Amino acid sequence: MPDAALDLYAGKLEEFPSGVEPVTADNWRSALGEARRAADWIGYFGREIAERTWRTVLTEWWPRLLPGVYGGSTHPVIRVGHAVRTLLTGEVTEPRLAELAHGLGYWAARYHPVEVLAPLPGADSATAALDAVVPIAERDSGFAIRLGRVTGLPVWAATVTDPNEAHRCLTELVRAATHRYATHGHGEKTMLVHAATAPNAVLRTLPALPRSLWVPSLRAAWTSSAAVTAMYAPQAPLAYTPSGTFTASEVFERALAHGDEHVIKLTDTALDIGDERALAAALRSIELSEPLVQDVS
C-alpha cells in the first residue's frame, strides 16, 4: 500500500484497549465473545504461541473459534488467514507470530455464533447455491442484527466427507463468490467483499490444519459466505463489463492506488483465482468504492 494510503488509514485505527483480567486455560470460556476482553485474549495467545508452536495453538483453537466465524463481520478470520499464509510462505518471525496472536485474540473477543439455520433448497454448484440465497427483508441495521435475521440458508456440499473434496469445494466457493461480486457488489460495496474474502481466509489456513478439520472448515466458510450474501446482496444483478483489458499486476496496482482496504482485500483474493472474471470483480470494487487516496493520478 502506498505511504499516503497508509497515513490516511492510520486515522481509522483505534488505541490498543486496556486489559480487564488475564485469560487462562481455566476461565477462557467465560471470556469468549467478550469484545472488551480483546487485550486479554491477545495476551493469552501471545503467551500460548511463545510456549508452543503456532501450528499447535492454531489446531487447538481453530475448531473452538470456527462456530463464531461471523464475529467482527468476519474480519478476525480474515486476519488469521493472512497471518497463517505469511507464516507458511515466509520466515517465522516474532512480528508474524504476534500478528497471528492478534488475529486469534480478535476472533476470540468478537466470537459470534448463530442459531441453527434451517436447511433451504440448495444447488449442486457454489454459484447456483449463492444464487439461491434469499435476501433478508429488513436491512435497516448493522451486521450483528442483520445476522440474527438470517434463519435459513440453501444446502450446498452438505454430503462432503473427504478432505480433498472439501478443499475443492472451498476453492469453488471462493471463485464463485468473487465472480459474483462483479454483478452483485452494488448491493453493498464493502460488506459483500466478505462473502469472498472470509472463505478465502479459511482456504489459506487449511494447509496449516489437520485434514480432519477441513470438512468443518468448509461448512463454516459456506454458511458465512451465504449469510453475508443474504444480509447484503441486491434483489437483482447488474451486468458488468470492465472498461478495458488489464493484467493481474495492473489490477493490483489500481487497487493499491485506490487505497481502500476492502478493495485491496478483494483484489488479493481475485489474484488467487487469477481468471478474467475474478479480475473484473476487483475492477468493479475499485469503481464502486470511494478511494482512500483522493488525489490518485
C-alpha atoms as a PDB file:
ATOM      1  CA  MET A   1       0.000   0.000   0.000  1.00  0.00           C
ATOM      2  CA  PRO A   2       1.391   3.469  -0.863  1.00  0.00           C
ATOM      3  CA  ASP A   3       2.708   5.572   2.024  1.00  0.00           C
ATOM      4  CA  ALA A   4      -0.049   8.152   1.511  1.00  0.00           C
ATOM      5  CA  ALA A   5      -2.701   5.470   1.873  1.00  0.00           C
ATOM      6  CA  LEU A   6      -1.028   4.112   4.990  1.00  0.00           C
ATOM      7  CA  ASP A   7      -1.007   7.572   6.527  1.00  0.00           C
ATOM      8  CA  LEU A   8      -4.702   8.022   5.788  1.00  0.00           C
ATOM      9  CA  TYR A   9      -5.625   4.552   7.021  1.00  0.00           C
ATOM     10  CA  ALA A  10      -3.796   5.134  10.304  1.00  0.00           C
ATOM     11  CA  GLY A  11      -6.568   7.519  11.264  1.00  0.00           C
ATOM     12  CA  LYS A  12      -9.033   4.608  11.246  1.00  0.00           C
ATOM     13  CA  LEU A  13      -7.108   2.663  13.856  1.00  0.00           C
ATOM     14  CA  GLU A  14      -8.213   2.585  17.474  1.00  0.00           C
ATOM     15  CA  GLU A  15      -5.996   2.758  20.509  1.00  0.00           C
ATOM     16  CA  PHE A  16      -4.964  -0.641  21.842  1.00  0.00           C
ATOM     17  CA  PRO A  17      -7.535  -1.484  24.541  1.00  0.00           C
ATOM     18  CA  SER A  18      -6.792  -1.887  28.221  1.00  0.00           C
ATOM     19  CA  GLY A  19      -6.810  -5.312  29.778  1.00  0.00           C
ATOM     20  CA  VAL A  20      -9.554  -6.463  32.140  1.00  0.00           C
ATOM     21  CA  GLU A  21      -8.350  -9.789  33.526  1.00  0.00           C
ATOM     22  CA  PRO A  22      -5.918 -12.347  32.098  1.00  0.00           C
ATOM     23  CA  VAL A  23      -7.483 -15.147  30.056  1.00  0.00           C
ATOM     24  CA  THR A  24      -6.332 -18.552  31.260  1.00  0.00           C
ATOM     25  CA  ALA A  25      -6.868 -22.205  30.452  1.00  0.00           C
ATOM     26  CA  ASP A  26      -9.435 -22.277  33.263  1.00  0.00           C
ATOM     27  CA  ASN A  27     -11.521 -19.182  32.511  1.00  0.00           C
ATOM     28  CA  TRP A  28     -11.409 -18.798  28.719  1.00  0.00           C
ATOM     29  CA  ARG A  29     -14.983 -19.979  28.173  1.00  0.00           C
ATOM     30  CA  SER A  30     -16.436 -17.103  30.157  1.00  0.00           C
ATOM     31  CA  ALA A  31     -14.321 -14.619  28.190  1.00  0.00           C
ATOM     32  CA  LEU A  32     -15.272 -15.929  24.743  1.00  0.00           C
ATOM     33  CA  GLY A  33     -17.155 -13.322  22.754  1.00  0.00           C
ATOM     34  CA  GLU A  34     -16.413 -10.507  25.220  1.00  0.00           C
ATOM     35  CA  ALA A  35     -15.278  -7.652  22.996  1.00  0.00           C
ATOM     36  CA  ARG A  36     -13.953  -5.675  25.974  1.00  0.00           C
ATOM     37  CA  ARG A  37     -11.526  -8.556  26.660  1.00  0.00           C
ATOM     38  CA  ALA A  38      -9.640  -8.147  23.357  1.00  0.00           C
ATOM     39  CA  ALA A  39      -6.367  -7.195  25.069  1.00  0.00           C
ATOM     40  CA  ASP A  40      -6.734 -10.119  27.460  1.00  0.00           C
ATOM     41  CA  TRP A  41      -7.241 -12.531  24.574  1.00  0.00           C
ATOM     42  CA  ILE A  42      -4.326 -11.137  22.564  1.00  0.00           C
ATOM     43  CA  GLY A  43      -2.123 -11.506  25.623  1.00  0.00           C
ATOM     44  CA  TYR A  44      -3.290 -15.076  26.108  1.00  0.00           C
ATOM     45  CA  PHE A  45      -2.476 -16.107  22.550  1.00  0.00           C
ATOM     46  CA  GLY A  46       0.836 -14.284  22.710  1.00  0.00           C
ATOM     47  CA  ARG A  47       1.811 -16.395  25.700  1.00  0.00           C
ATOM     48  CA  GLU A  48       0.490 -19.600  24.143  1.00  0.00           C
ATOM     49  CA  ILE A  49       2.401 -19.095  20.891  1.00  0.00           C
ATOM     50  CA  ALA A  50       5.565 -18.247  22.829  1.00  0.00           C
ATOM     51  CA  GLU A  51       5.333 -21.525  24.761  1.00  0.00           C
ATOM     52  CA  ARG A  52       4.146 -23.848  21.984  1.00  0.00           C
ATOM     53  CA  THR A  53       4.380 -23.987  18.217  1.00  0.00           C
ATOM     54  CA  TRP A  54       1.985 -21.712  16.380  1.00  0.00           C
ATOM     55  CA  ARG A  55       0.540 -24.668  14.481  1.00  0.00           C
ATOM     56  CA  THR A  56      -0.278 -26.443  17.753  1.00  0.00           C
ATOM     57  CA  VAL A  57      -2.098 -23.388  19.090  1.00  0.00           C
ATOM     58  CA  LEU A  58      -3.939 -22.873  15.810  1.00  0.00           C
ATOM     59  CA  THR A  59      -5.006 -26.524  15.652  1.00  0.00           C
ATOM     60  CA  GLU A  60      -6.348 -26.404  19.204  1.00  0.00           C
ATOM     61  CA  TRP A  61      -8.260 -23.170  18.770  1.00  0.00           C
ATOM     62  CA  TRP A  62      -9.497 -23.382  15.190  1.00  0.00           C
ATOM     63  CA  PRO A  63     -12.414 -25.744  15.973  1.00  0.00           C
ATOM     64  CA  ARG A  64     -13.246 -23.726  19.094  1.00  0.00           C
ATOM     65  CA  LEU A  65     -13.436 -20.458  17.179  1.00  0.00           C
ATOM     66  CA  LEU A  66     -14.937 -21.728  13.923  1.00  0.00           C
ATOM     67  CA  PRO A  67     -18.601 -21.596  15.097  1.00  0.00           C
ATOM     68  CA  GLY A  68     -18.083 -17.884  15.800  1.00  0.00           C
ATOM     69  CA  VAL A  69     -16.591 -17.076  12.416  1.00  0.00           C
ATOM     70  CA  TYR A  70     -19.210 -14.345  11.891  1.00  0.00           C
ATOM     71  CA  GLY A  71     -17.845 -12.233  14.747  1.00  0.00           C
ATOM     72  CA  GLY A  72     -16.397  -8.847  13.855  1.00  0.00           C
ATOM     73  CA  SER A  73     -18.108  -9.060  10.440  1.00  0.00           C
ATOM     74  CA  THR A  74     -15.693 -11.957   9.623  1.00  0.00           C
ATOM     75  CA  HIS A  75     -12.679  -9.632   9.893  1.00  0.00           C
ATOM     76  CA  PRO A  76     -10.956 -11.795  12.554  1.00  0.00           C
ATOM     77  CA  VAL A  77     -10.826 -14.948  10.443  1.00  0.00           C
ATOM     78  CA  ILE A  78      -9.595 -12.864   7.501  1.00  0.00           C
ATOM     79  CA  ARG A  79      -6.793 -11.530   9.680  1.00  0.00           C
ATOM     80  CA  VAL A  80      -5.908 -15.031  10.840  1.00  0.00           C
ATOM     81  CA  GLY A  81      -5.861 -16.255   7.235  1.00  0.00           C
ATOM     82  CA  HIS A  82      -3.379 -13.555   6.240  1.00  0.00           C
ATOM     83  CA  ALA A  83      -1.187 -14.309   9.259  1.00  0.00           C
ATOM     84  CA  VAL A  84      -1.160 -18.042   8.572  1.00  0.00           C
ATOM     85  CA  ARG A  85      -0.352 -17.575   4.892  1.00  0.00           C
ATOM     86  CA  THR A  86       2.600 -15.376   5.820  1.00  0.00           C
ATOM     87  CA  LEU A  87       3.879 -17.933   8.314  1.00  0.00           C
ATOM     88  CA  LEU A  88       3.501 -20.761   5.806  1.00  0.00           C
ATOM     89  CA  THR A  89       5.252 -18.990   2.942  1.00  0.00           C
ATOM     90  CA  GLY A  90       7.910 -16.957   4.706  1.00  0.00           C
ATOM     91  CA  GLU A  91      10.245 -16.889   7.643  1.00  0.00           C
ATOM     92  CA  VAL A  92       8.707 -17.385  11.071  1.00  0.00           C
ATOM     93  CA  THR A  93       9.481 -14.161  12.906  1.00  0.00           C
ATOM     94  CA  GLU A  94       8.310 -12.591  16.152  1.00  0.00           C
ATOM     95  CA  PRO A  95       6.224  -9.910  14.386  1.00  0.00           C
ATOM     96  CA  ARG A  96       4.481 -12.559  12.286  1.00  0.00           C
ATOM     97  CA  LEU A  97       3.762 -14.691  15.327  1.00  0.00           C
ATOM     98  CA  ALA A  98       2.472 -11.606  17.113  1.00  0.00           C
ATOM     99  CA  GLU A  99       0.152 -10.917  14.190  1.00  0.00           C
ATOM    100  CA  LEU A 100      -1.314 -14.419  14.486  1.00  0.00           C
ATOM    101  CA  ALA A 101      -1.805 -13.865  18.229  1.00  0.00           C
ATOM    102  CA  HIS A 102      -3.610 -10.607  17.473  1.00  0.00           C
ATOM    103  CA  GLY A 103      -5.806 -12.269  14.871  1.00  0.00           C
ATOM    104  CA  LEU A 104      -6.763 -15.174  17.135  1.00  0.00           C
ATOM    105  CA  GLY A 105      -7.303 -12.823  20.066  1.00  0.00           C
ATOM    106  CA  TYR A 106      -9.503 -10.539  17.996  1.00  0.00           C
ATOM    107  CA  TRP A 107     -11.512 -13.563  16.846  1.00  0.00           C
ATOM    108  CA  ALA A 108     -11.983 -14.897  20.385  1.00  0.00           C
ATOM    109  CA  ALA A 109     -13.064 -11.489  21.666  1.00  0.00           C
ATOM    110  CA  ARG A 110     -15.532 -10.968  18.807  1.00  0.00           C
ATOM    111  CA  TYR A 111     -16.696 -14.600  18.696  1.00  0.00           C
ATOM    112  CA  HIS A 112     -20.307 -14.631  17.490  1.00  0.00           C
ATOM    113  CA  PRO A 113     -22.085 -17.916  16.734  1.00  0.00           C
ATOM    114  CA  VAL A 114     -25.521 -18.155  15.104  1.00  0.00           C
ATOM    115  CA  GLU A 115     -28.615 -20.128  15.930  1.00  0.00           C
ATOM    116  CA  VAL A 116     -29.237 -23.332  13.997  1.00  0.00           C
ATOM    117  CA  LEU A 117     -30.181 -22.344  10.464  1.00  0.00           C
ATOM    118  CA  ALA A 118     -32.960 -24.107   8.591  1.00  0.00           C
ATOM    119  CA  PRO A 119     -31.777 -26.013   5.501  1.00  0.00           C
ATOM    120  CA  LEU A 120     -33.405 -24.498   2.414  1.00  0.00           C
ATOM    121  CA  PRO A 121     -33.475 -25.878  -1.137  1.00  0.00           C
ATOM    122  CA  GLY A 122     -29.958 -25.707  -2.495  1.00  0.00           C
ATOM    123  CA  ALA A 123     -27.982 -26.499  -5.599  1.00  0.00           C
ATOM    124  CA  ASP A 124     -25.110 -28.602  -6.874  1.00  0.00           C
ATOM    125  CA  SER A 125     -22.680 -25.771  -7.577  1.00  0.00           C
ATOM    126  CA  ALA A 126     -21.475 -22.960  -5.360  1.00  0.00           C
ATOM    127  CA  THR A 127     -22.585 -20.409  -7.946  1.00  0.00           C
ATOM    128  CA  ALA A 128     -26.114 -21.763  -8.080  1.00  0.00           C
ATOM    129  CA  ALA A 129     -26.268 -22.110  -4.301  1.00  0.00           C
ATOM    130  CA  LEU A 130     -25.290 -18.460  -3.817  1.00  0.00           C
ATOM    131  CA  ASP A 131     -27.918 -17.510  -6.397  1.00  0.00           C
ATOM    132  CA  ALA A 132     -30.459 -19.466  -4.331  1.00  0.00           C
ATOM    133  CA  VAL A 133     -29.789 -17.411  -1.183  1.00  0.00           C
ATOM    134  CA  VAL A 134     -32.878 -15.377  -0.261  1.00  0.00           C
ATOM    135  CA  PRO A 135     -32.018 -11.818   0.834  1.00  0.00           C
ATOM    136  CA  ILE A 136     -33.372 -10.802   4.227  1.00  0.00           C
ATOM    137  CA  ALA A 137     -36.267  -8.356   4.075  1.00  0.00           C
ATOM    138  CA  GLU A 138     -35.219  -5.837   6.731  1.00  0.00           C
ATOM    139  CA  ARG A 139     -31.906  -4.081   6.121  1.00  0.00           C
ATOM    140  CA  ASP A 140     -32.017  -1.154   8.489  1.00  0.00           C
ATOM    141  CA  SER A 141     -29.300  -2.245  10.899  1.00  0.00           C
ATOM    142  CA  GLY A 142     -25.702  -3.348  11.185  1.00  0.00           C
ATOM    143  CA  PHE A 143     -24.046  -6.709  10.745  1.00  0.00           C
ATOM    144  CA  ALA A 144     -24.963  -8.367  14.051  1.00  0.00           C
ATOM    145  CA  ILE A 145     -28.670  -7.515  13.875  1.00  0.00           C
ATOM    146  CA  ARG A 146     -28.904  -8.498  10.219  1.00  0.00           C
ATOM    147  CA  LEU A 147     -27.187 -11.785  11.021  1.00  0.00           C
ATOM    148  CA  GLY A 148     -29.901 -12.528  13.567  1.00  0.00           C
ATOM    149  CA  ARG A 149     -32.470 -12.151  10.805  1.00  0.00           C
ATOM    150  CA  VAL A 150     -30.911 -14.949   8.740  1.00  0.00           C
ATOM    151  CA  THR A 151     -32.941 -18.018   9.656  1.00  0.00           C
ATOM    152  CA  GLY A 152     -32.151 -20.399   6.809  1.00  0.00           C
ATOM    153  CA  LEU A 153     -29.637 -20.948   4.025  1.00  0.00           C
ATOM    154  CA  PRO A 154     -29.547 -23.153   0.918  1.00  0.00           C
ATOM    155  CA  VAL A 155     -27.919 -26.542   1.266  1.00  0.00           C
ATOM    156  CA  TRP A 156     -24.630 -26.937  -0.580  1.00  0.00           C
ATOM    157  CA  ALA A 157     -21.820 -29.509  -0.283  1.00  0.00           C
ATOM    158  CA  ALA A 158     -23.552 -30.940   2.779  1.00  0.00           C
ATOM    159  CA  THR A 159     -22.602 -34.543   1.981  1.00  0.00           C
ATOM    160  CA  VAL A 160     -18.871 -33.883   1.617  1.00  0.00           C
ATOM    161  CA  THR A 161     -16.791 -36.012   3.971  1.00  0.00           C
ATOM    162  CA  ASP A 162     -13.453 -36.289   2.150  1.00  0.00           C
ATOM    163  CA  PRO A 163     -10.855 -33.612   2.991  1.00  0.00           C
ATOM    164  CA  ASN A 164      -9.682 -33.358  -0.612  1.00  0.00           C
ATOM    165  CA  GLU A 165     -13.236 -32.790  -1.780  1.00  0.00           C
ATOM    166  CA  ALA A 166     -13.689 -30.195   0.950  1.00  0.00           C
ATOM    167  CA  HIS A 167     -10.635 -28.360  -0.363  1.00  0.00           C
ATOM    168  CA  ARG A 168     -12.004 -28.496  -3.908  1.00  0.00           C
ATOM    169  CA  CYS A 169     -15.414 -27.224  -2.822  1.00  0.00           C
ATOM    170  CA  LEU A 170     -13.906 -24.421  -0.776  1.00  0.00           C
ATOM    171  CA  THR A 171     -11.865 -23.345  -3.794  1.00  0.00           C
ATOM    172  CA  GLU A 172     -15.034 -23.418  -5.872  1.00  0.00           C
ATOM    173  CA  LEU A 173     -16.842 -21.280  -3.298  1.00  0.00           C
ATOM    174  CA  VAL A 174     -14.126 -18.625  -3.247  1.00  0.00           C
ATOM    175  CA  ARG A 175     -14.179 -18.451  -7.025  1.00  0.00           C
ATOM    176  CA  ALA A 176     -17.984 -18.253  -7.202  1.00  0.00           C
ATOM    177  CA  ALA A 177     -18.271 -15.569  -4.521  1.00  0.00           C
ATOM    178  CA  THR A 178     -15.519 -13.495  -6.123  1.00  0.00           C
ATOM    179  CA  HIS A 179     -17.055 -13.742  -9.585  1.00  0.00           C
ATOM    180  CA  ARG A 180     -20.441 -12.812  -8.130  1.00  0.00           C
ATOM    181  CA  TYR A 181     -19.173  -9.535  -6.753  1.00  0.00           C
ATOM    182  CA  ALA A 182     -18.834  -8.122 -10.268  1.00  0.00           C
ATOM    183  CA  THR A 183     -22.593  -8.330 -10.828  1.00  0.00           C
ATOM    184  CA  HIS A 184     -23.859  -8.049  -7.237  1.00  0.00           C
ATOM    185  CA  GLY A 185     -21.344  -5.806  -5.445  1.00  0.00           C
ATOM    186  CA  HIS A 186     -23.606  -2.793  -5.892  1.00  0.00           C
ATOM    187  CA  GLY A 187     -25.858  -4.276  -3.193  1.00  0.00           C
ATOM    188  CA  GLU A 188     -23.305  -3.249  -0.582  1.00  0.00           C
ATOM    189  CA  LYS A 189     -19.881  -2.478  -1.942  1.00  0.00           C
ATOM    190  CA  THR A 190     -17.975  -3.075   1.304  1.00  0.00           C
ATOM    191  CA  MET A 191     -19.720  -5.870   3.158  1.00  0.00           C
ATOM    192  CA  LEU A 192     -20.200  -8.132   0.136  1.00  0.00           C
ATOM    193  CA  VAL A 193     -16.424  -8.317  -0.192  1.00  0.00           C
ATOM    194  CA  HIS A 194     -16.513 -10.635   2.840  1.00  0.00           C
ATOM    195  CA  ALA A 195     -18.597 -13.218   1.016  1.00  0.00           C
ATOM    196  CA  ALA A 196     -15.381 -13.997  -0.881  1.00  0.00           C
ATOM    197  CA  THR A 197     -12.574 -12.946   1.448  1.00  0.00           C
ATOM    198  CA  ALA A 198     -13.790 -14.855   4.530  1.00  0.00           C
ATOM    199  CA  PRO A 199     -13.913 -18.260   2.779  1.00  0.00           C
ATOM    200  CA  ASN A 200     -10.593 -17.460   1.118  1.00  0.00           C
ATOM    201  CA  ALA A 201      -9.063 -16.882   4.549  1.00  0.00           C
ATOM    202  CA  VAL A 202     -10.297 -20.319   5.567  1.00  0.00           C
ATOM    203  CA  LEU A 203      -8.879 -21.820   2.367  1.00  0.00           C
ATOM    204  CA  ARG A 204      -5.495 -20.245   3.035  1.00  0.00           C
ATOM    205  CA  THR A 205      -5.465 -21.720   6.522  1.00  0.00           C
ATOM    206  CA  LEU A 206      -6.213 -25.328   5.522  1.00  0.00           C
ATOM    207  CA  PRO A 207      -2.575 -26.314   4.815  1.00  0.00           C
ATOM    208  CA  ALA A 208      -1.674 -25.489   8.426  1.00  0.00           C
ATOM    209  CA  LEU A 209      -4.521 -27.593   9.842  1.00  0.00           C
ATOM    210  CA  PRO A 210      -5.025 -31.339  10.263  1.00  0.00           C
ATOM    211  CA  ARG A 211      -7.051 -32.768   7.409  1.00  0.00           C
ATOM    212  CA  SER A 212      -9.732 -33.767   9.902  1.00  0.00           C
ATOM    213  CA  LEU A 213     -10.612 -30.065  10.226  1.00  0.00           C
ATOM    214  CA  TRP A 214     -11.016 -29.413   6.515  1.00  0.00           C
ATOM    215  CA  VAL A 215     -14.650 -30.534   6.220  1.00  0.00           C
ATOM    216  CA  PRO A 216     -15.920 -28.478   9.183  1.00  0.00           C
ATOM    217  CA  SER A 217     -13.929 -25.565   7.783  1.00  0.00           C
ATOM    218  CA  LEU A 218     -15.839 -25.884   4.502  1.00  0.00           C
ATOM    219  CA  ARG A 219     -19.142 -25.895   6.412  1.00  0.00           C
ATOM    220  CA  ALA A 220     -18.269 -22.721   8.303  1.00  0.00           C
ATOM    221  CA  ALA A 221     -16.989 -20.992   5.168  1.00  0.00           C
ATOM    222  CA  TRP A 222     -20.176 -21.772   3.256  1.00  0.00           C
ATOM    223  CA  THR A 223     -22.508 -20.550   5.988  1.00  0.00           C
ATOM    224  CA  SER A 224     -20.525 -17.334   6.468  1.00  0.00           C
ATOM    225  CA  SER A 225     -20.415 -16.587   2.725  1.00  0.00           C
ATOM    226  CA  ALA A 226     -24.085 -17.417   2.256  1.00  0.00           C
ATOM    227  CA  ALA A 227     -25.108 -15.426   5.344  1.00  0.00           C
ATOM    228  CA  VAL A 228     -23.246 -12.328   4.145  1.00  0.00           C
ATOM    229  CA  THR A 229     -24.966 -12.786   0.790  1.00  0.00           C
ATOM    230  CA  ALA A 230     -28.380 -12.981   2.468  1.00  0.00           C
ATOM    231  CA  MET A 231     -27.650  -9.865   4.515  1.00  0.00           C
ATOM    232  CA  TYR A 232     -26.344  -7.588   1.766  1.00  0.00           C
ATOM    233  CA  ALA A 233     -26.971  -8.916  -1.751  1.00  0.00           C
ATOM    234  CA  PRO A 234     -29.170  -6.816  -4.057  1.00  0.00           C
ATOM    235  CA  GLN A 235     -32.527  -8.015  -5.276  1.00  0.00           C
ATOM    236  CA  ALA A 236     -31.185  -8.278  -8.826  1.00  0.00           C
ATOM    237  CA  PRO A 237     -27.761  -8.378 -10.513  1.00  0.00           C
ATOM    238  CA  LEU A 238     -26.370  -5.754 -12.856  1.00  0.00           C
ATOM    239  CA  ALA A 239     -24.365  -6.703 -15.908  1.00  0.00           C
ATOM    240  CA  TYR A 240     -20.775  -5.507 -15.695  1.00  0.00           C
ATOM    241  CA  THR A 241     -18.050  -5.280 -18.309  1.00  0.00           C
ATOM    242  CA  PRO A 242     -14.670  -3.697 -17.464  1.00  0.00           C
ATOM    243  CA  SER A 243     -13.708  -0.600 -19.420  1.00  0.00           C
ATOM    244  CA  GLY A 244     -10.607  -2.330 -20.745  1.00  0.00           C
ATOM    245  CA  THR A 245      -8.360  -5.361 -20.546  1.00  0.00           C
ATOM    246  CA  PHE A 246      -5.915  -5.404 -17.667  1.00  0.00           C
ATOM    247  CA  THR A 247      -3.277  -7.821 -16.457  1.00  0.00           C
ATOM    248  CA  ALA A 248      -3.321  -9.080 -12.890  1.00  0.00           C
ATOM    249  CA  SER A 249      -0.434  -6.823 -11.945  1.00  0.00           C
ATOM    250  CA  GLU A 250      -2.202  -3.808 -13.448  1.00  0.00           C
ATOM    251  CA  VAL A 251      -5.365  -4.566 -11.471  1.00  0.00           C
ATOM    252  CA  PHE A 252      -3.340  -4.895  -8.296  1.00  0.00           C
ATOM    253  CA  GLU A 253      -1.607  -1.572  -8.943  1.00  0.00           C
ATOM    254  CA  ARG A 254      -5.001   0.068  -9.441  1.00  0.00           C
ATOM    255  CA  ALA A 255      -6.231  -1.371  -6.142  1.00  0.00           C
ATOM    256  CA  LEU A 256      -3.153  -0.151  -4.286  1.00  0.00           C
ATOM    257  CA  ALA A 257      -3.528   3.311  -5.793  1.00  0.00           C
ATOM    258  CA  HIS A 258      -7.202   3.324  -4.771  1.00  0.00           C
ATOM    259  CA  GLY A 259      -6.186   2.540  -1.205  1.00  0.00           C
ATOM    260  CA  ASP A 260      -9.458   1.246   0.284  1.00  0.00           C
ATOM    261  CA  GLU A 261      -8.695  -1.783   2.438  1.00  0.00           C
ATOM    262  CA  HIS A 262     -11.698  -3.789   1.254  1.00  0.00           C
ATOM    263  CA  VAL A 263     -10.836  -3.152  -2.387  1.00  0.00           C
ATOM    264  CA  ILE A 264      -7.309  -4.392  -1.694  1.00  0.00           C
ATOM    265  CA  LYS A 265      -8.604  -7.479   0.131  1.00  0.00           C
ATOM    266  CA  LEU A 266     -10.959  -8.433  -2.685  1.00  0.00           C
ATOM    267  CA  THR A 267      -8.234  -7.832  -5.266  1.00  0.00           C
ATOM    268  CA  ASP A 268      -5.879 -10.027  -3.247  1.00  0.00           C
ATOM    269  CA  THR A 269      -8.462 -12.805  -3.363  1.00  0.00           C
ATOM    270  CA  ALA A 270      -9.118 -12.214  -7.060  1.00  0.00           C
ATOM    271  CA  LEU A 271      -5.411 -12.644  -7.778  1.00  0.00           C
ATOM    272  CA  ASP A 272      -5.502 -16.023  -6.020  1.00  0.00           C
ATOM    273  CA  ILE A 273      -8.123 -17.075  -8.578  1.00  0.00           C
ATOM    274  CA  GLY A 274      -6.464 -15.263 -11.444  1.00  0.00           C
ATOM    275  CA  ASP A 275      -9.097 -15.597 -14.149  1.00  0.00           C
ATOM    276  CA  GLU A 276     -10.731 -12.809 -16.155  1.00  0.00           C
ATOM    277  CA  ARG A 277     -13.986 -12.795 -14.188  1.00  0.00           C
ATOM    278  CA  ALA A 278     -12.148 -12.525 -10.889  1.00  0.00           C
ATOM    279  CA  LEU A 279     -10.132  -9.565 -12.152  1.00  0.00           C
ATOM    280  CA  ALA A 280     -13.375  -7.990 -13.359  1.00  0.00           C
ATOM    281  CA  ALA A 281     -14.754  -8.286  -9.822  1.00  0.00           C
ATOM    282  CA  ALA A 282     -11.705  -6.497  -8.464  1.00  0.00           C
ATOM    283  CA  LEU A 283     -12.128  -3.720 -11.017  1.00  0.00           C
ATOM    284  CA  ARG A 284     -15.802  -3.440 -10.085  1.00  0.00           C
ATOM    285  CA  SER A 285     -14.872  -2.951  -6.430  1.00  0.00           C
ATOM    286  CA  ILE A 286     -12.481  -0.177  -7.436  1.00  0.00           C
ATOM    287  CA  GLU A 287     -15.274   1.571  -9.329  1.00  0.00           C
ATOM    288  CA  LEU A 288     -17.869   1.183  -6.570  1.00  0.00           C
ATOM    289  CA  SER A 289     -15.770   2.249  -3.579  1.00  0.00           C
ATOM    290  CA  GLU A 290     -14.609   5.688  -2.547  1.00  0.00           C
ATOM    291  CA  PRO A 291     -10.815   5.977  -2.904  1.00  0.00           C
ATOM    292  CA  LEU A 292      -8.875   6.244   0.314  1.00  0.00           C
ATOM    293  CA  VAL A 293      -6.326   8.365  -1.536  1.00  0.00           C
ATOM    294  CA  GLN A 294      -8.297  11.185  -3.101  1.00  0.00           C
ATOM    295  CA  ASP A 295      -5.627  12.626  -5.382  1.00  0.00           C
ATOM    296  CA  VAL A 296      -4.862   9.450  -7.349  1.00  0.00           C
ATOM    297  CA  SER A 297      -3.398  10.353 -10.744  1.00  0.00           C
END
